[in-house]
Amino acid sequence: QKSPLFALVSCRMIEMSMNYGHCEDSVFGAAAFASALVNVLEDIDEATAWGRTALSLMKVYDEDVLIPSIYGSLYGIVFLWKEPIQSTLEPLAQGVRIAFATGNVEFAMVNTLYYIARSFNCGKNIGVLLEEVQALASQH
């Protein structure tokens, strides 16, 4: 999302979390802010730091329902600039599985889109990739 509005909203979420304390939505705010840092400011190092912060904060809440939105943002947009692309595939697949299991169709599609794109970037065989995506989708 290169939208300045997206960046503004994520900044506001961070500001509110700092002023009033964090909650489950703060995790998404940190992940969205990390994405905005990549897409709007192109600051990969700071985005990676905020992404790590979001993952640490996610452990506080231990909620599986957070995984699809957080993993889609972080492993689909942020971490691929600092980590091997192959290392983003399993978290994205986990995001797909949990999103389908919890009825979160929006982030099931987001994680699937990133999973396909990153698999393609890794040079994965298209036939194998098609079978993997069909298996992920048919689990639920």
N, C-alpha and C. Protein backbone atom coordinates (compact mmCIF):
# COMPACT_ATOMS: atom_id res chain seq x y z
N GLN A 1 0.83 -1.18 0.00
CA GLN A 1 0.00 0.00 0.00
C GLN A 1 0.88 1.24 0.00
N LYS A 2 0.93 1.94 -1.11
CA LYS A 2 1.74 3.16 -1.19
C LYS A 2 0.93 4.38 -0.77
N SER A 3 -0.27 4.18 -0.32
CA SER A 3 -1.16 5.27 0.03
C SER A 3 -0.65 6.05 1.25
N PRO A 4 -0.55 7.37 1.14
CA PRO A 4 -0.18 8.17 2.30
C PRO A 4 -1.24 8.07 3.41
N LEU A 5 -2.50 7.82 3.02
CA LEU A 5 -3.56 7.66 4.02
C LEU A 5 -3.31 6.40 4.86
N PHE A 6 -2.90 5.32 4.20
CA PHE A 6 -2.56 4.08 4.91
C PHE A 6 -1.45 4.33 5.92
N ALA A 7 -0.44 5.09 5.50
CA ALA A 7 0.68 5.42 6.39
C ALA A 7 0.20 6.28 7.55
N LEU A 8 -0.68 7.23 7.27
CA LEU A 8 -1.20 8.10 8.32
C LEU A 8 -2.01 7.32 9.36
N VAL A 9 -2.85 6.42 8.89
CA VAL A 9 -3.67 5.61 9.81
C VAL A 9 -2.78 4.72 10.67
N SER A 10 -1.77 4.11 10.08
CA SER A 10 -0.88 3.25 10.86
C SER A 10 -0.09 4.07 11.88
N CYS A 11 0.31 5.28 11.51
CA CYS A 11 1.00 6.16 12.46
C CYS A 11 0.08 6.52 13.62
N ARG A 12 -1.16 6.78 13.30
CA ARG A 12 -2.14 7.12 14.35
C ARG A 12 -2.35 5.93 15.29
N MET A 13 -2.38 4.73 14.76
CA MET A 13 -2.53 3.54 15.60
C MET A 13 -1.35 3.40 16.56
N ILE A 14 -0.15 3.66 16.07
CA ILE A 14 1.04 3.60 16.91
C ILE A 14 0.98 4.69 17.98
N GLU A 15 0.61 5.88 17.58
CA GLU A 15 0.52 6.98 18.53
C GLU A 15 -0.48 6.68 19.65
N MET A 16 -1.64 6.15 19.29
CA MET A 16 -2.65 5.82 20.31
C MET A 16 -2.14 4.71 21.24
N SER A 17 -1.43 3.75 20.68
CA SER A 17 -0.89 2.66 21.51
C SER A 17 0.15 3.19 22.48
N MET A 18 0.94 4.15 22.04
CA MET A 18 1.97 4.72 22.92
C MET A 18 1.35 5.60 24.00
N ASN A 19 0.27 6.28 23.66
CA ASN A 19 -0.37 7.18 24.63
C ASN A 19 -1.28 6.45 25.62
N TYR A 20 -1.97 5.40 25.16
CA TYR A 20 -2.99 4.76 25.99
C TYR A 20 -2.69 3.31 26.34
N GLY A 21 -1.58 2.78 25.84
CA GLY A 21 -1.25 1.38 26.10
C GLY A 21 -1.62 0.52 24.91
N HIS A 22 -1.04 -0.66 24.86
CA HIS A 22 -1.27 -1.51 23.70
C HIS A 22 -2.41 -2.49 23.93
N CYS A 23 -2.96 -2.96 22.83
CA CYS A 23 -4.01 -3.97 22.82
C CYS A 23 -3.76 -4.85 21.59
N GLU A 24 -4.65 -5.79 21.33
CA GLU A 24 -4.46 -6.67 20.18
C GLU A 24 -4.36 -5.89 18.87
N ASP A 25 -5.12 -4.82 18.75
CA ASP A 25 -5.07 -4.02 17.52
C ASP A 25 -3.73 -3.30 17.35
N SER A 26 -3.01 -3.11 18.43
CA SER A 26 -1.69 -2.47 18.35
C SER A 26 -0.72 -3.34 17.55
N VAL A 27 -0.91 -4.64 17.61
CA VAL A 27 -0.05 -5.55 16.85
C VAL A 27 -0.22 -5.29 15.36
N PHE A 28 -1.47 -5.18 14.93
CA PHE A 28 -1.73 -4.88 13.52
C PHE A 28 -1.21 -3.49 13.18
N GLY A 29 -1.35 -2.54 14.09
CA GLY A 29 -0.84 -1.19 13.86
C GLY A 29 0.66 -1.20 13.62
N ALA A 30 1.40 -1.97 14.41
CA ALA A 30 2.86 -2.05 14.25
C ALA A 30 3.21 -2.71 12.92
N ALA A 31 2.48 -3.77 12.56
CA ALA A 31 2.73 -4.45 11.28
C ALA A 31 2.39 -3.54 10.10
N ALA A 32 1.29 -2.81 10.22
CA ALA A 32 0.89 -1.88 9.16
C ALA A 32 1.90 -0.75 9.03
N PHE A 33 2.40 -0.28 10.17
CA PHE A 33 3.42 0.77 10.15
C PHE A 33 4.69 0.27 9.47
N ALA A 34 5.08 -0.96 9.76
CA ALA A 34 6.25 -1.55 9.11
C ALA A 34 6.04 -1.62 7.60
N SER A 35 4.85 -2.01 7.18
CA SER A 35 4.54 -2.06 5.74
C SER A 35 4.60 -0.67 5.12
N ALA A 36 4.09 0.32 5.84
CA ALA A 36 4.12 1.69 5.34
C ALA A 36 5.56 2.19 5.21
N LEU A 37 6.40 1.80 6.15
CA LEU A 37 7.81 2.21 6.07
C LEU A 37 8.47 1.66 4.81
N VAL A 38 8.11 0.44 4.43
CA VAL A 38 8.65 -0.15 3.20
C VAL A 38 8.06 0.54 1.98
N ASN A 39 6.74 0.62 1.93
CA ASN A 39 6.06 1.07 0.72
C ASN A 39 6.10 2.58 0.49
N VAL A 40 6.06 3.36 1.55
CA VAL A 40 6.00 4.81 1.39
C VAL A 40 7.38 5.44 1.53
N LEU A 41 8.10 5.08 2.58
CA LEU A 41 9.40 5.71 2.83
C LEU A 41 10.59 4.89 2.34
N GLU A 42 10.34 3.64 1.97
CA GLU A 42 11.39 2.73 1.50
C GLU A 42 12.52 2.58 2.53
N ASP A 43 12.15 2.57 3.80
CA ASP A 43 13.12 2.41 4.89
C ASP A 43 13.06 0.96 5.38
N ILE A 44 13.83 0.12 4.74
CA ILE A 44 13.79 -1.32 4.99
C ILE A 44 14.27 -1.66 6.40
N ASP A 45 15.34 -1.03 6.86
CA ASP A 45 15.89 -1.34 8.18
C ASP A 45 14.90 -1.01 9.30
N GLU A 46 14.33 0.17 9.24
CA GLU A 46 13.36 0.57 10.27
C GLU A 46 12.10 -0.30 10.18
N ALA A 47 11.68 -0.62 8.97
CA ALA A 47 10.51 -1.48 8.78
C ALA A 47 10.75 -2.86 9.39
N THR A 48 11.94 -3.39 9.20
CA THR A 48 12.26 -4.70 9.77
C THR A 48 12.24 -4.64 11.29
N ALA A 49 12.76 -3.57 11.86
CA ALA A 49 12.72 -3.41 13.32
C ALA A 49 11.29 -3.35 13.83
N TRP A 50 10.44 -2.58 13.16
CA TRP A 50 9.03 -2.50 13.57
C TRP A 50 8.32 -3.85 13.36
N GLY A 51 8.71 -4.57 12.32
CA GLY A 51 8.15 -5.89 12.09
C GLY A 51 8.49 -6.85 13.22
N ARG A 52 9.73 -6.81 13.67
CA ARG A 52 10.15 -7.64 14.80
C ARG A 52 9.39 -7.24 16.07
N THR A 53 9.16 -5.93 16.23
CA THR A 53 8.39 -5.44 17.37
C THR A 53 6.97 -6.00 17.33
N ALA A 54 6.37 -6.00 16.14
CA ALA A 54 5.01 -6.53 15.99
C ALA A 54 4.97 -8.02 16.35
N LEU A 55 5.97 -8.79 15.91
CA LEU A 55 6.01 -10.22 16.25
C LEU A 55 6.17 -10.43 17.75
N SER A 56 7.00 -9.61 18.39
CA SER A 56 7.18 -9.71 19.85
C SER A 56 5.90 -9.37 20.57
N LEU A 57 5.24 -8.33 20.14
CA LEU A 57 3.98 -7.91 20.76
C LEU A 57 2.89 -8.95 20.54
N MET A 58 2.93 -9.62 19.41
CA MET A 58 1.95 -10.66 19.12
C MET A 58 2.03 -11.80 20.13
N LYS A 59 3.23 -12.10 20.61
CA LYS A 59 3.41 -13.17 21.60
C LYS A 59 2.71 -12.86 22.91
N VAL A 60 2.57 -11.58 23.22
CA VAL A 60 1.89 -11.17 24.46
C VAL A 60 0.44 -11.63 24.44
N TYR A 61 -0.20 -11.57 23.27
CA TYR A 61 -1.63 -11.88 23.16
C TYR A 61 -1.90 -13.33 22.81
N ASP A 62 -0.94 -14.01 22.22
CA ASP A 62 -1.05 -15.44 21.94
C ASP A 62 -2.40 -15.79 21.30
N GLU A 63 -2.78 -15.02 20.31
CA GLU A 63 -4.05 -15.23 19.61
C GLU A 63 -3.77 -15.66 18.18
N ASP A 64 -4.22 -16.85 17.81
CA ASP A 64 -4.02 -17.32 16.44
C ASP A 64 -4.74 -16.44 15.41
N VAL A 65 -5.84 -15.79 15.82
CA VAL A 65 -6.58 -14.97 14.87
C VAL A 65 -5.76 -13.77 14.38
N LEU A 66 -4.71 -13.40 15.11
CA LEU A 66 -3.85 -12.29 14.69
C LEU A 66 -2.90 -12.70 13.56
N ILE A 67 -2.59 -13.97 13.47
CA ILE A 67 -1.56 -14.45 12.55
C ILE A 67 -1.81 -14.08 11.09
N PRO A 68 -3.01 -14.30 10.52
CA PRO A 68 -3.18 -14.00 9.10
C PRO A 68 -2.89 -12.54 8.73
N SER A 69 -3.40 -11.60 9.49
CA SER A 69 -3.17 -10.20 9.14
C SER A 69 -1.73 -9.77 9.38
N ILE A 70 -1.14 -10.25 10.45
CA ILE A 70 0.23 -9.86 10.79
C ILE A 70 1.22 -10.53 9.84
N TYR A 71 1.08 -11.83 9.63
CA TYR A 71 2.01 -12.54 8.75
C TYR A 71 1.89 -12.06 7.31
N GLY A 72 0.67 -11.76 6.86
CA GLY A 72 0.51 -11.25 5.50
C GLY A 72 1.30 -9.97 5.30
N SER A 73 1.20 -9.06 6.26
CA SER A 73 1.91 -7.79 6.16
C SER A 73 3.42 -7.97 6.28
N LEU A 74 3.83 -8.72 7.28
CA LEU A 74 5.27 -8.81 7.57
C LEU A 74 6.02 -9.73 6.61
N TYR A 75 5.51 -10.95 6.42
CA TYR A 75 6.23 -11.88 5.55
C TYR A 75 5.93 -11.64 4.07
N GLY A 76 4.83 -10.97 3.78
CA GLY A 76 4.51 -10.66 2.40
C GLY A 76 5.15 -9.39 1.88
N ILE A 77 5.42 -8.43 2.78
CA ILE A 77 5.92 -7.12 2.36
C ILE A 77 7.26 -6.74 2.98
N VAL A 78 7.43 -6.98 4.27
CA VAL A 78 8.57 -6.42 4.99
C VAL A 78 9.79 -7.33 5.00
N PHE A 79 9.66 -8.53 5.53
CA PHE A 79 10.83 -9.36 5.80
C PHE A 79 11.53 -9.89 4.55
N LEU A 80 10.85 -9.91 3.42
CA LEU A 80 11.49 -10.45 2.23
C LEU A 80 12.69 -9.63 1.78
N TRP A 81 12.83 -8.41 2.29
CA TRP A 81 13.96 -7.56 1.92
C TRP A 81 15.21 -7.88 2.73
N LYS A 82 15.05 -8.56 3.88
CA LYS A 82 16.20 -8.84 4.76
C LYS A 82 16.44 -10.33 4.98
N GLU A 83 15.47 -11.15 4.64
CA GLU A 83 15.58 -12.59 4.86
C GLU A 83 15.47 -13.32 3.53
N PRO A 84 15.97 -14.54 3.46
CA PRO A 84 15.77 -15.30 2.22
C PRO A 84 14.27 -15.44 1.94
N ILE A 85 13.89 -15.26 0.71
CA ILE A 85 12.47 -15.33 0.36
C ILE A 85 11.87 -16.67 0.75
N GLN A 86 12.65 -17.74 0.65
CA GLN A 86 12.15 -19.07 1.00
C GLN A 86 11.67 -19.12 2.45
N SER A 87 12.28 -18.33 3.33
CA SER A 87 11.91 -18.36 4.75
C SER A 87 10.56 -17.69 5.00
N THR A 88 10.03 -16.98 4.01
CA THR A 88 8.72 -16.34 4.19
C THR A 88 7.57 -17.28 3.82
N LEU A 89 7.87 -18.37 3.14
CA LEU A 89 6.80 -19.22 2.62
C LEU A 89 6.00 -19.94 3.70
N GLU A 90 6.65 -20.55 4.66
CA GLU A 90 5.91 -21.28 5.69
C GLU A 90 5.03 -20.36 6.54
N PRO A 91 5.53 -19.20 6.99
CA PRO A 91 4.63 -18.29 7.72
C PRO A 91 3.42 -17.85 6.88
N LEU A 92 3.63 -17.61 5.59
CA LEU A 92 2.51 -17.23 4.73
C LEU A 92 1.51 -18.39 4.60
N ALA A 93 2.02 -19.62 4.46
CA ALA A 93 1.13 -20.79 4.39
C ALA A 93 0.36 -20.95 5.70
N GLN A 94 1.03 -20.71 6.82
CA GLN A 94 0.36 -20.77 8.11
C GLN A 94 -0.75 -19.70 8.18
N GLY A 95 -0.46 -18.52 7.65
CA GLY A 95 -1.47 -17.47 7.60
C GLY A 95 -2.68 -17.89 6.79
N VAL A 96 -2.45 -18.58 5.67
CA VAL A 96 -3.55 -19.08 4.83
C VAL A 96 -4.39 -20.08 5.62
N ARG A 97 -3.73 -21.06 6.23
CA ARG A 97 -4.45 -22.10 6.97
C ARG A 97 -5.30 -21.52 8.10
N ILE A 98 -4.71 -20.66 8.88
CA ILE A 98 -5.43 -20.09 10.03
C ILE A 98 -6.55 -19.16 9.56
N ALA A 99 -6.30 -18.40 8.51
CA ALA A 99 -7.34 -17.51 8.00
C ALA A 99 -8.56 -18.31 7.53
N PHE A 100 -8.33 -19.38 6.79
CA PHE A 100 -9.45 -20.21 6.35
C PHE A 100 -10.14 -20.86 7.56
N ALA A 101 -9.37 -21.32 8.53
CA ALA A 101 -9.94 -21.99 9.70
C ALA A 101 -10.81 -21.06 10.55
N THR A 102 -10.45 -19.77 10.55
CA THR A 102 -11.20 -18.80 11.36
C THR A 102 -12.21 -18.00 10.54
N GLY A 103 -12.34 -18.33 9.25
CA GLY A 103 -13.32 -17.64 8.41
C GLY A 103 -12.88 -16.27 7.93
N ASN A 104 -11.59 -16.00 8.00
CA ASN A 104 -11.07 -14.70 7.58
C ASN A 104 -10.66 -14.78 6.10
N VAL A 105 -11.66 -14.71 5.23
CA VAL A 105 -11.43 -14.91 3.80
C VAL A 105 -10.51 -13.83 3.23
N GLU A 106 -10.65 -12.60 3.69
CA GLU A 106 -9.83 -11.50 3.17
C GLU A 106 -8.34 -11.81 3.33
N PHE A 107 -7.92 -12.17 4.54
CA PHE A 107 -6.50 -12.43 4.74
C PHE A 107 -6.08 -13.81 4.27
N ALA A 108 -7.03 -14.71 4.06
CA ALA A 108 -6.70 -15.98 3.40
C ALA A 108 -6.25 -15.68 1.98
N MET A 109 -6.96 -14.77 1.33
CA MET A 109 -6.60 -14.40 -0.04
C MET A 109 -5.29 -13.60 -0.08
N VAL A 110 -5.10 -12.68 0.87
CA VAL A 110 -3.87 -11.89 0.92
C VAL A 110 -2.66 -12.80 1.10
N ASN A 111 -2.73 -13.70 2.08
CA ASN A 111 -1.61 -14.61 2.33
C ASN A 111 -1.38 -15.54 1.14
N THR A 112 -2.47 -15.99 0.51
CA THR A 112 -2.33 -16.86 -0.67
C THR A 112 -1.65 -16.11 -1.81
N LEU A 113 -2.06 -14.88 -2.03
CA LEU A 113 -1.45 -14.06 -3.09
C LEU A 113 0.05 -13.91 -2.85
N TYR A 114 0.43 -13.56 -1.61
CA TYR A 114 1.85 -13.40 -1.30
C TYR A 114 2.58 -14.74 -1.39
N TYR A 115 1.93 -15.82 -0.94
CA TYR A 115 2.55 -17.14 -1.01
C TYR A 115 2.87 -17.51 -2.46
N ILE A 116 1.91 -17.28 -3.36
CA ILE A 116 2.12 -17.59 -4.77
C ILE A 116 3.24 -16.72 -5.36
N ALA A 117 3.18 -15.43 -5.08
CA ALA A 117 4.20 -14.51 -5.62
C ALA A 117 5.59 -14.86 -5.12
N ARG A 118 5.72 -15.11 -3.82
CA ARG A 118 7.04 -15.41 -3.26
C ARG A 118 7.53 -16.77 -3.73
N SER A 119 6.64 -17.74 -3.88
CA SER A 119 7.03 -19.05 -4.41
C SER A 119 7.54 -18.92 -5.84
N PHE A 120 6.83 -18.12 -6.62
CA PHE A 120 7.24 -17.87 -7.99
C PHE A 120 8.61 -17.19 -8.01
N ASN A 121 8.83 -16.20 -7.10
CA ASN A 121 10.12 -15.52 -7.01
C ASN A 121 11.24 -16.48 -6.64
N CYS A 122 10.92 -17.51 -5.88
CA CYS A 122 11.92 -18.49 -5.46
C CYS A 122 12.25 -19.48 -6.57
N GLY A 123 11.47 -19.47 -7.63
CA GLY A 123 11.71 -20.41 -8.72
C GLY A 123 11.01 -21.74 -8.54
N LYS A 124 10.00 -21.77 -7.69
CA LYS A 124 9.27 -23.02 -7.46
C LYS A 124 8.56 -23.42 -8.75
N ASN A 125 8.54 -24.70 -9.01
CA ASN A 125 7.86 -25.26 -10.17
C ASN A 125 6.38 -24.92 -10.09
N ILE A 126 5.83 -24.41 -11.19
CA ILE A 126 4.44 -23.97 -11.20
C ILE A 126 3.47 -25.12 -10.94
N GLY A 127 3.76 -26.29 -11.44
CA GLY A 127 2.90 -27.46 -11.19
C GLY A 127 2.86 -27.80 -9.71
N VAL A 128 4.03 -27.79 -9.07
CA VAL A 128 4.11 -28.06 -7.63
C VAL A 128 3.38 -26.96 -6.86
N LEU A 129 3.58 -25.73 -7.26
CA LEU A 129 2.93 -24.60 -6.60
C LEU A 129 1.41 -24.70 -6.71
N LEU A 130 0.91 -25.07 -7.86
CA LEU A 130 -0.53 -25.23 -8.05
C LEU A 130 -1.09 -26.29 -7.11
N GLU A 131 -0.39 -27.40 -7.00
CA GLU A 131 -0.82 -28.47 -6.08
C GLU A 131 -0.82 -27.99 -4.63
N GLU A 132 0.22 -27.23 -4.24
CA GLU A 132 0.29 -26.71 -2.87
C GLU A 132 -0.86 -25.77 -2.57
N VAL A 133 -1.15 -24.87 -3.49
CA VAL A 133 -2.23 -23.90 -3.27
C VAL A 133 -3.58 -24.61 -3.22
N GLN A 134 -3.78 -25.59 -4.08
CA GLN A 134 -5.04 -26.36 -4.04
C GLN A 134 -5.17 -27.10 -2.72
N ALA A 135 -4.08 -27.64 -2.22
CA ALA A 135 -4.10 -28.34 -0.92
C ALA A 135 -4.41 -27.37 0.22
N LEU A 136 -3.82 -26.18 0.19
CA LEU A 136 -4.09 -25.18 1.21
C LEU A 136 -5.57 -24.78 1.20
N ALA A 137 -6.10 -24.57 0.00
CA ALA A 137 -7.50 -24.12 -0.12
C ALA A 137 -8.48 -25.21 0.22
N SER A 138 -8.14 -26.46 -0.05
CA SER A 138 -9.10 -27.55 0.21
C SER A 138 -9.10 -28.04 1.65
N GLN A 139 -8.18 -27.56 2.46
CA GLN A 139 -8.14 -27.98 3.86
C GLN A 139 -9.35 -27.48 4.63
N HIS A 140 -9.97 -26.43 4.11
CA HIS A 140 -11.09 -25.85 4.87
C HIS A 140 -12.26 -25.69 3.97
